[in-house]
Protein backbone atom coordinates (compact mmCIF):
# COMPACT_ATOMS: atom_id res chain seq x y z
CA UNK A 1 -0.45 -13.16 31.91
CA UNK A 2 0.76 -13.72 28.38
CA UNK A 3 4.44 -14.15 27.58
CA UNK A 4 6.39 -12.34 24.88
CA UNK A 5 9.99 -13.42 24.29
CA UNK A 6 12.36 -11.36 22.21
CA UNK A 7 16.04 -11.16 21.43
CA UNK A 8 17.60 -7.87 20.41
CA UNK A 9 19.87 -7.89 17.39
CA UNK A 10 21.46 -5.18 15.28
CA UNK A 11 20.85 -5.44 11.55
CA UNK A 12 23.12 -4.07 8.90
CA UNK A 13 20.59 -1.33 8.20
CA UNK A 14 20.23 -0.06 11.75
CA UNK A 15 23.06 2.44 11.53
CA UNK A 16 22.11 3.67 8.08
CA UNK A 17 20.65 7.19 7.89
CA UNK A 18 17.09 7.84 6.81
CA UNK A 19 16.82 8.31 3.05
CA UNK A 20 14.67 10.85 1.27
CA UNK A 21 13.38 8.30 -1.29
CA UNK A 22 11.91 6.20 1.54
CA UNK A 23 9.95 9.16 2.91
CA UNK A 24 8.83 10.30 -0.54
CA UNK A 25 7.77 6.79 -1.52
CA UNK A 26 5.70 6.37 1.62
CA UNK A 27 4.10 9.81 1.23
CA UNK A 28 3.23 9.04 -2.40
CA UNK A 29 1.58 5.80 -1.28
CA UNK A 30 -0.40 7.61 1.39
CA UNK A 31 -1.46 10.40 -0.99
CA UNK A 32 -3.31 7.88 -3.18
CA UNK A 33 -4.73 6.08 -0.13
CA UNK A 34 -5.95 9.35 1.41
CA UNK A 35 -7.53 10.45 -1.88
CA UNK A 36 -9.39 7.14 -2.01
CA UNK A 37 -10.46 7.48 1.62
CA UNK A 38 -11.66 11.06 1.12
CA UNK A 39 -13.83 10.08 -1.84
CA UNK A 40 -15.40 7.23 0.16
CA UNK A 41 -15.98 9.54 3.15
CA UNK A 42 -17.79 12.08 0.97
CA UNK A 43 -19.70 9.68 -1.30
CA UNK A 44 -20.87 6.96 1.09
CA UNK A 45 -23.36 9.19 2.99
CA UNK A 46 -24.78 10.45 -0.31
CA UNK A 47 -25.36 7.03 -1.88
CA UNK A 48 -26.84 5.82 1.41
CA UNK A 49 -29.29 8.71 1.58
CA UNK A 50 -30.18 8.15 -2.09
CA UNK A 51 -31.81 4.89 -0.98
CA UNK A 52 -34.51 7.00 0.70
CA UNK A 53 -33.52 6.16 4.27
CA UNK A 54 -33.55 8.52 7.26
CA UNK A 55 -30.57 10.60 8.38
CA UNK A 56 -30.34 8.39 11.47
CA UNK A 57 -29.89 5.34 9.24
CA UNK A 58 -27.13 7.13 7.37
CA UNK A 59 -25.43 7.80 10.70
CA UNK A 60 -25.73 4.17 11.75
CA UNK A 61 -24.15 2.99 8.48
CA UNK A 62 -21.25 5.39 8.95
CA UNK A 63 -20.79 4.48 12.63
CA UNK A 64 -20.34 0.82 11.71
CA UNK A 65 -16.93 1.65 10.25
CA UNK A 66 -15.77 3.00 13.62
CA UNK A 67 -17.07 -0.09 15.40
CA UNK A 68 -14.96 -2.41 13.27
CA UNK A 69 -12.10 0.04 13.70
CA UNK A 70 -12.39 -0.29 17.47
CA UNK A 71 -12.41 -4.09 17.18
CA UNK A 72 -9.31 -3.85 14.99
CA UNK A 73 -7.57 -1.81 17.69
CA UNK A 74 -8.08 -4.72 20.07
CA UNK A 75 -7.27 -7.47 17.58
CA UNK A 76 -4.25 -6.22 15.66
CA UNK A 77 -1.72 -6.12 18.54
CA UNK A 78 -2.72 -9.69 19.39
CA UNK A 79 -2.88 -11.11 15.88
CA UNK A 80 0.13 -9.24 14.46
CA UNK A 81 2.43 -8.32 17.38
CA UNK A 82 5.64 -8.10 15.37
CA UNK A 83 4.54 -7.40 11.80
CA UNK A 84 6.26 -4.67 9.82
CA UNK A 85 4.78 -1.73 7.94
CA UNK A 86 5.07 -3.76 4.71
CA UNK A 87 2.50 -6.20 6.08
CA UNK A 88 0.12 -3.40 7.09
CA UNK A 89 0.43 -1.67 3.69
CA UNK A 90 -0.56 -4.90 1.95
CA UNK A 91 -3.43 -5.42 4.38
CA UNK A 92 -4.54 -1.82 3.80
CA UNK A 93 -4.57 -2.40 0.06
CA UNK A 94 -6.59 -5.59 0.37
CA UNK A 95 -9.31 -4.06 2.56
CA UNK A 96 -9.32 -0.86 0.50
CA UNK A 97 -9.88 -2.78 -2.73
CA UNK A 98 -12.60 -4.89 -1.08
CA UNK A 99 -14.35 -1.70 0.08
CA UNK A 100 -14.22 -0.15 -3.39
CA UNK A 101 -15.29 -3.39 -5.08
CA UNK A 102 -18.34 -3.73 -2.83
CA UNK A 103 -19.38 -0.15 -3.63
CA UNK A 104 -19.02 -0.13 -7.41
CA UNK A 105 -19.37 -3.82 -8.30
CA UNK A 106 -22.51 -4.78 -6.34
CA UNK A 107 -26.01 -3.22 -6.57
CA UNK A 108 -26.42 -0.74 -3.73
CA UNK A 109 -28.60 -1.77 -0.80
CA UNK A 110 -28.42 -1.25 2.95
CA UNK A 111 -26.73 -4.61 3.51
CA UNK A 112 -24.13 -3.94 0.82
CA UNK A 113 -23.42 -0.46 2.16
CA UNK A 114 -23.18 -1.79 5.71
CA UNK A 115 -20.64 -4.41 4.62
CA UNK A 116 -18.67 -1.73 2.76
CA UNK A 117 -18.65 0.44 5.89
CA UNK A 118 -17.39 -2.47 7.99
CA UNK A 119 -14.56 -3.13 5.52
CA UNK A 120 -13.77 0.57 5.38
CA UNK A 121 -13.32 0.65 9.16
CA UNK A 122 -10.74 -2.15 9.07
CA UNK A 123 -8.92 -0.43 6.20
CA UNK A 124 -8.71 2.82 8.15
CA UNK A 125 -7.05 1.12 11.11
CA UNK A 126 -4.55 -0.85 9.03
CA UNK A 127 -3.28 2.35 7.45
CA UNK A 128 -2.80 3.96 10.87
CA UNK A 129 -0.89 0.95 12.18
CA UNK A 130 1.22 1.21 9.01
CA UNK A 131 2.12 4.81 9.92
CA UNK A 132 3.39 3.86 13.37
CA UNK A 133 5.28 0.84 12.07
CA UNK A 134 6.93 2.77 9.23
CA UNK A 135 8.00 5.69 11.39
CA UNK A 136 9.31 3.54 14.24
CA UNK A 137 11.10 1.04 11.98
CA UNK A 138 12.48 3.26 9.22
CA UNK A 139 12.61 6.90 10.33
CA UNK A 140 15.38 8.19 12.60
CA UNK A 141 14.17 9.58 15.94
CA UNK A 142 15.06 13.20 15.13
CA UNK A 143 12.92 13.08 11.94
CA UNK A 144 9.84 11.39 13.36
CA UNK A 145 7.86 14.44 14.45
CA UNK A 146 8.48 16.05 11.05
CA UNK A 147 7.34 12.87 9.29
CA UNK A 148 4.08 12.95 11.25
CA UNK A 149 3.72 16.55 10.13
CA UNK A 150 4.23 15.70 6.45
CA UNK A 151 1.63 12.95 6.75
CA UNK A 152 -0.81 15.60 7.99
CA UNK A 153 0.09 17.77 4.99
CA UNK A 154 -0.58 14.92 2.55
CA UNK A 155 -3.83 14.16 4.34
CA UNK A 156 -4.93 17.81 4.19
CA UNK A 157 -4.19 18.00 0.45
CA UNK A 158 -6.06 14.77 -0.25
CA UNK A 159 -9.06 15.52 1.96
CA UNK A 160 -9.42 18.99 0.43
CA UNK A 161 -9.22 17.62 -3.11
CA UNK A 162 -11.29 14.44 -2.68
CA UNK A 163 -14.73 16.06 -2.11
CA UNK A 164 -14.32 18.25 -5.20
CA UNK A 165 -13.30 15.24 -7.25
CA UNK A 166 -16.16 13.16 -5.83
CA UNK A 167 -18.75 15.82 -6.77
CA UNK A 168 -17.47 15.89 -10.35
CA UNK A 169 -17.37 12.08 -10.64
CA UNK A 170 -20.89 11.64 -9.29
CA UNK A 171 -22.20 13.75 -12.16
CA UNK A 172 -21.47 10.72 -14.37
CA UNK A 173 -22.90 8.04 -12.06
CA UNK A 174 -22.98 7.32 -8.33
CA UNK A 175 -20.77 4.27 -8.87
CA UNK A 176 -18.02 6.10 -10.77
CA UNK A 177 -16.32 7.58 -7.66
CA UNK A 178 -15.80 4.10 -6.24
CA UNK A 179 -14.27 2.86 -9.49
CA UNK A 180 -11.77 5.71 -9.17
CA UNK A 181 -11.22 4.72 -5.52
CA UNK A 182 -10.31 1.21 -6.73
CA UNK A 183 -7.79 2.76 -9.11
CA UNK A 184 -6.29 4.99 -6.41
CA UNK A 185 -5.66 1.98 -4.16
CA UNK A 186 -3.88 0.21 -7.01
CA UNK A 187 -1.78 3.31 -7.73
CA UNK A 188 -0.93 3.63 -4.04
CA UNK A 189 0.26 0.05 -3.83
CA UNK A 190 2.25 0.47 -7.07
CA UNK A 191 4.00 3.50 -5.55
CA UNK A 192 4.80 1.42 -2.47
CA UNK A 193 6.22 -1.48 -4.47
CA UNK A 194 8.38 0.86 -6.54
CA UNK A 195 9.87 2.55 -3.48
CA UNK A 196 9.97 -0.21 -0.85
CA UNK A 197 13.58 -1.08 -1.69
CA UNK A 198 14.57 2.21 0.00
CA UNK A 199 12.46 1.49 3.08
CA UNK A 200 14.98 -0.51 5.07
CA UNK A 201 14.39 -1.33 8.74
CA UNK A 202 16.74 0.38 11.16
CA UNK A 203 16.65 -2.70 13.35
CA UNK A 204 14.21 -4.36 15.66
CA UNK A 205 13.21 -7.28 17.79
CA UNK A 206 12.69 -10.85 16.80
CA UNK A 207 9.76 -12.26 18.73
CA UNK A 208 7.90 -15.43 19.40
CA UNK A 209 4.33 -14.70 20.35
CA UNK A 210 2.26 -17.01 22.52
CA UNK A 211 -1.54 -16.87 22.12
CA UNK A 212 -3.48 -14.72 24.57
CA UNK A 213 -7.07 -13.79 25.14
CA UNK A 214 -9.19 -10.66 24.77
CA UNK A 215 -9.36 -10.52 28.58
CA UNK A 216 -5.57 -10.37 28.75
CA UNK A 217 -5.48 -7.64 26.10
CA UNK A 218 -7.97 -5.57 28.10
CA UNK A 219 -5.74 -6.10 31.14
CA UNK A 220 -2.81 -4.63 29.20
CA UNK A 221 -4.94 -1.65 28.17
CA UNK A 222 -5.96 -1.12 31.81
CA UNK A 223 -2.32 -1.14 32.95
CA UNK A 224 -1.31 1.28 30.20
CA UNK A 225 -4.32 3.54 30.81
CA UNK A 226 -3.18 4.15 34.39
CA UNK A 227 -0.02 5.69 32.95
CA UNK A 228 -1.40 7.64 29.98
CA UNK A 229 -5.00 8.48 30.92
CA UNK A 230 -4.31 12.24 30.84
CA UNK A 231 -2.74 12.09 27.38
CA UNK A 232 -5.50 9.75 26.21
CA UNK A 233 -8.16 12.21 27.37
CA UNK A 234 -6.40 15.05 25.59
CA UNK A 235 -6.18 13.03 22.37
CA UNK A 236 -9.87 12.12 22.68
CA UNK A 237 -10.96 15.78 22.79
CA UNK A 238 -8.57 16.65 19.96
CA UNK A 239 -10.26 14.10 17.70
CA UNK A 240 -13.71 15.18 18.93
CA UNK A 241 -13.02 18.69 17.64
CA UNK A 242 -12.14 17.21 14.25
CA UNK A 243 -15.34 15.14 14.33
CA UNK A 244 -17.38 18.26 15.09
CA UNK A 245 -15.98 20.02 12.02
CA UNK A 246 -16.81 17.04 9.78
CA UNK A 247 -20.37 16.80 11.14
CA UNK A 248 -21.85 19.98 12.67
CA UNK A 249 -19.20 22.10 10.94
CA UNK A 250 -20.52 21.03 7.54
CA UNK A 251 -24.05 21.97 8.64
CA UNK A 252 -22.77 25.35 9.84
CA UNK A 253 -21.04 25.91 6.49
CA UNK A 254 -24.33 25.16 4.71
CA UNK A 255 -26.16 27.68 6.90
CA UNK A 256 -23.54 30.38 6.36
CA UNK A 257 -23.39 29.78 2.59
CA UNK A 258 -27.09 30.60 2.31
CA UNK A 259 -26.21 34.20 3.30
CA UNK A 260 -22.74 34.48 1.78
CA UNK A 261 -20.43 32.43 -0.40
CA UNK A 262 -17.85 32.73 2.39
CA UNK A 263 -19.62 29.87 4.15
CA UNK A 264 -18.29 27.46 1.53
CA UNK A 265 -14.77 28.12 2.79
CA UNK A 266 -15.32 27.10 6.42
CA UNK A 267 -13.96 23.57 6.04
CA UNK A 268 -10.98 24.66 3.89
CA UNK A 269 -10.16 27.29 6.54
CA UNK A 270 -9.93 24.43 9.03
CA UNK A 271 -7.98 22.02 6.78
CA UNK A 272 -5.46 24.22 4.96
CA UNK A 273 -3.41 25.11 8.10
CA UNK A 274 -2.26 21.48 8.19
CA UNK A 275 -0.05 22.36 5.23
CA UNK A 276 2.03 24.58 7.55
CA UNK A 277 2.70 21.81 10.10
CA UNK A 278 6.16 20.68 8.86
CA UNK A 279 7.46 24.26 8.95
CA UNK A 280 6.11 24.74 12.48
CA UNK A 281 7.47 21.42 13.74
CA UNK A 282 10.93 22.21 12.36
CA UNK A 283 10.95 25.27 14.63
CA UNK A 284 9.28 23.93 17.77
CA UNK A 285 11.26 20.66 17.83
CA UNK A 286 14.43 22.61 18.56
CA UNK A 287 12.97 24.49 21.51
CA UNK A 288 10.19 22.56 23.26
CA UNK A 289 9.33 19.04 24.33
CA UNK A 290 6.63 17.26 22.27
CA UNK A 291 3.95 16.89 24.95
CA UNK A 292 4.19 20.48 26.13
CA UNK A 293 4.10 21.74 22.55
CA UNK A 294 0.93 19.74 21.90
CA UNK A 295 -0.82 21.02 25.05
CA UNK A 296 0.16 24.66 24.64
CA UNK A 297 -0.62 24.84 20.92
CA UNK A 298 -3.99 23.10 21.39
CA UNK A 299 -4.81 25.46 24.25
CA UNK A 300 -4.05 28.57 22.20
CA UNK A 301 -5.86 27.24 19.14
CA UNK A 302 -8.98 26.14 21.01
CA UNK A 303 -9.19 29.51 22.82
CA UNK A 304 -9.14 31.33 19.48
CA UNK A 305 -11.81 28.99 18.12
CA UNK A 306 -14.03 29.61 21.16
CA UNK A 307 -13.78 33.36 20.69
CA UNK A 308 -14.53 33.01 16.98
CA UNK A 309 -17.56 30.77 17.37
CA UNK A 310 -18.97 32.91 20.19
CA UNK A 311 -18.45 36.39 18.82
CA UNK A 312 -17.39 36.36 15.14
CA UNK A 313 -19.18 35.98 11.84
CA UNK A 314 -18.44 36.22 8.13
CA UNK A 315 -14.79 36.69 7.19
CA UNK A 316 -13.83 37.31 10.83
CA UNK A 317 -15.03 33.81 11.71
CA UNK A 318 -13.09 32.28 8.81
CA UNK A 319 -9.95 34.15 9.83
CA UNK A 320 -10.30 33.02 13.45
CA UNK A 321 -10.84 29.40 12.36
CA UNK A 322 -7.79 29.57 10.10
CA UNK A 323 -5.45 30.99 12.76
CA UNK A 324 -6.83 28.76 15.52
CA UNK A 325 -6.48 25.69 13.33
CA UNK A 326 -2.80 26.46 12.75
CA UNK A 327 -2.17 25.83 16.45
CA UNK A 328 -4.55 22.86 16.68
CA UNK A 329 -3.00 21.25 13.59
CA UNK A 330 0.43 21.41 15.24
CA UNK A 331 -0.75 19.51 18.31
CA UNK A 332 -1.91 16.34 16.49
CA UNK A 333 1.45 15.23 14.99
CA UNK A 334 3.17 16.17 18.25
CA UNK A 335 0.87 13.96 20.32
CA UNK A 336 1.09 11.16 17.72
CA UNK A 337 4.85 11.37 17.97
CA UNK A 338 4.56 11.22 21.77
CA UNK A 339 2.54 8.00 21.61
CA UNK A 340 4.99 6.53 19.10
CA UNK A 341 7.90 7.40 21.40
CA UNK A 342 6.18 5.80 24.39
CA UNK A 343 5.37 2.72 22.31
CA UNK A 344 9.09 2.35 21.60
CA UNK A 345 9.75 1.99 25.35
CA UNK A 346 7.27 -0.89 25.57
CA UNK A 347 9.02 -3.27 23.20
CA UNK A 348 6.54 -5.83 21.90
CA UNK A 349 3.76 -4.14 23.88
CA UNK A 350 4.15 -1.03 21.74
CA UNK A 351 1.37 -2.19 19.42
CA UNK A 352 -0.97 -2.45 22.41
CA UNK A 353 -0.40 1.22 23.24
CA UNK A 354 -1.04 2.22 19.63
CA UNK A 355 -4.21 0.14 19.68
CA UNK A 356 -5.27 1.93 22.87
CA UNK A 357 -4.65 5.31 21.25
CA UNK A 358 -6.58 4.33 18.13
CA UNK A 359 -9.49 3.24 20.33
CA UNK A 360 -9.76 6.90 21.38
CA UNK A 361 -10.06 7.91 17.74
CA UNK A 362 -12.80 5.36 17.09
CA UNK A 363 -14.72 6.20 20.27
CA UNK A 364 -14.70 9.82 19.16
CA UNK A 365 -16.08 8.92 15.74
CA UNK A 366 -18.72 6.61 17.22
CA UNK A 367 -20.02 9.07 19.83
CA UNK A 368 -18.95 12.42 18.39
CA UNK A 369 -21.43 12.88 15.52
CA UNK A 370 -24.38 11.92 17.73
CA UNK A 371 -23.29 14.20 20.58
CA UNK A 372 -22.49 17.08 18.22
CA UNK A 373 -25.84 16.97 16.44
CA UNK A 374 -27.66 16.61 19.77
CA UNK A 375 -25.94 19.69 21.22
CA UNK A 376 -26.56 21.63 18.00
CA UNK A 377 -30.27 20.81 18.30
CA UNK A 378 -30.44 22.80 21.55
CA UNK A 379 -27.90 25.60 21.10
CA UNK A 380 -27.36 25.84 17.33
CA UNK A 381 -24.48 24.74 15.12
CA UNK A 382 -22.10 27.63 15.81
CA UNK A 383 -22.42 27.42 19.60
CA UNK A 384 -22.06 23.64 19.40
CA UNK A 385 -18.67 24.16 17.76
CA UNK A 386 -17.76 26.49 20.63
CA UNK A 387 -18.66 23.72 23.09
CA UNK A 388 -16.25 21.23 21.46
CA UNK A 389 -13.53 23.89 21.29
CA UNK A 390 -14.10 24.47 25.01
CA UNK A 391 -13.67 20.75 25.72
CA UNK A 392 -10.29 20.82 24.00
CA UNK A 393 -9.22 23.91 25.96
CA UNK A 394 -10.18 22.22 29.24
CA UNK A 395 -8.33 19.04 28.27
CA UNK A 396 -5.22 20.97 27.17
CA UNK A 397 -5.02 22.94 30.43
CA UNK A 398 -5.65 19.81 32.52
CA UNK A 399 -3.06 17.77 30.64
CA UNK A 400 -0.51 20.59 30.95
CA UNK A 401 -0.96 20.55 34.73
CA UNK A 402 -1.24 16.77 35.26
CA UNK A 403 1.10 15.10 32.76
CA UNK A 404 4.56 14.54 34.26
CA UNK A 405 7.62 15.59 32.29
CA UNK A 406 8.66 11.95 32.02
CA UNK A 407 6.15 9.10 31.74
CA UNK A 408 7.78 5.88 32.87
CA UNK A 409 6.72 2.96 30.69
CA UNK A 410 8.52 -0.33 30.20
CA UNK A 411 7.82 -3.79 28.90
CA UNK A 412 8.48 -5.27 32.35
CA UNK A 413 5.81 -3.08 33.93
CA UNK A 414 3.14 -4.63 31.70
CA UNK A 415 4.12 -8.26 32.16
């Protein structure tokens, strides 16, 4: 087994309270990064299909980003076991700029788009590792759940705005959106550099890392999975529901919009509730434990979505999606905060747990679109959405019954 040595020391910043400028600076950085990511997510399938390829080929190109993301989940804890959020922000910027450069600076072809997708996948994982590092190293424990919530708000704003902006930019030329993406990454990094002086570490471990193999990393994941398999399964279905909205949900919106303009608002009805997350977290954090809040809220939200997709239509369906998504949106930052809290108990193995969690996200995005479209082929788009909502309800109920109140994880248990 690999060896990780560390010595605990208290820095002069560890007792200092969290500062508002640090949070605002990080959120400003992420706003530009999320805008860039949203434009790529909307534009890449369009420019790929413009090459005259099949829909399956488009799906393969997009899936390649999740494959490199999954590889990154395995590699990052090994390559960068004790790096700070500053390192991950710089790495995010580098891969983001490389993605944008490959899309607007090189003639489009399948090979070029495939390379861009691969780079995009690495970028997406670096930014998620940056979130965990920033929150664990800078944000006080009592503010962490709320910070996850504000990240979801920024993401919702960016992902709602980005498609509209991408449509307008593509009227000029298909390369123009990616030039703007390049600019957004530069603006994001500028915001980070201007505010990083307020982002002081609260303290941490100094470590000397000895090399270890992929086999040893998989061993760590296996040990951790025995402890968190129920939470992992819940997180997997939570992301699968999100995947279904961004794949089959878009097809359903197109079908509904042919009969009524209300169909155009299906995705906004799903995304906008994320803006309410900080307000909800500020109330639930005082009363309920994070895991239970995530399970209960996801259960209520998924039940409402099932009823809506099975029996509703028109504005009733939009209303049901909106209300159900309020509860579902609350569960994601709560479960992210749970993983971050567990990672803190693992010391230098914390990054391995975050990598394991992120593998669930990438598995969902690799398998989800294919499964969703396959189910929709047999039962239709609206019933397919009910199926994924049902999976989340089943996972939420199971996790609520199986997950112990206290999950015992320690660095010694992994060694």
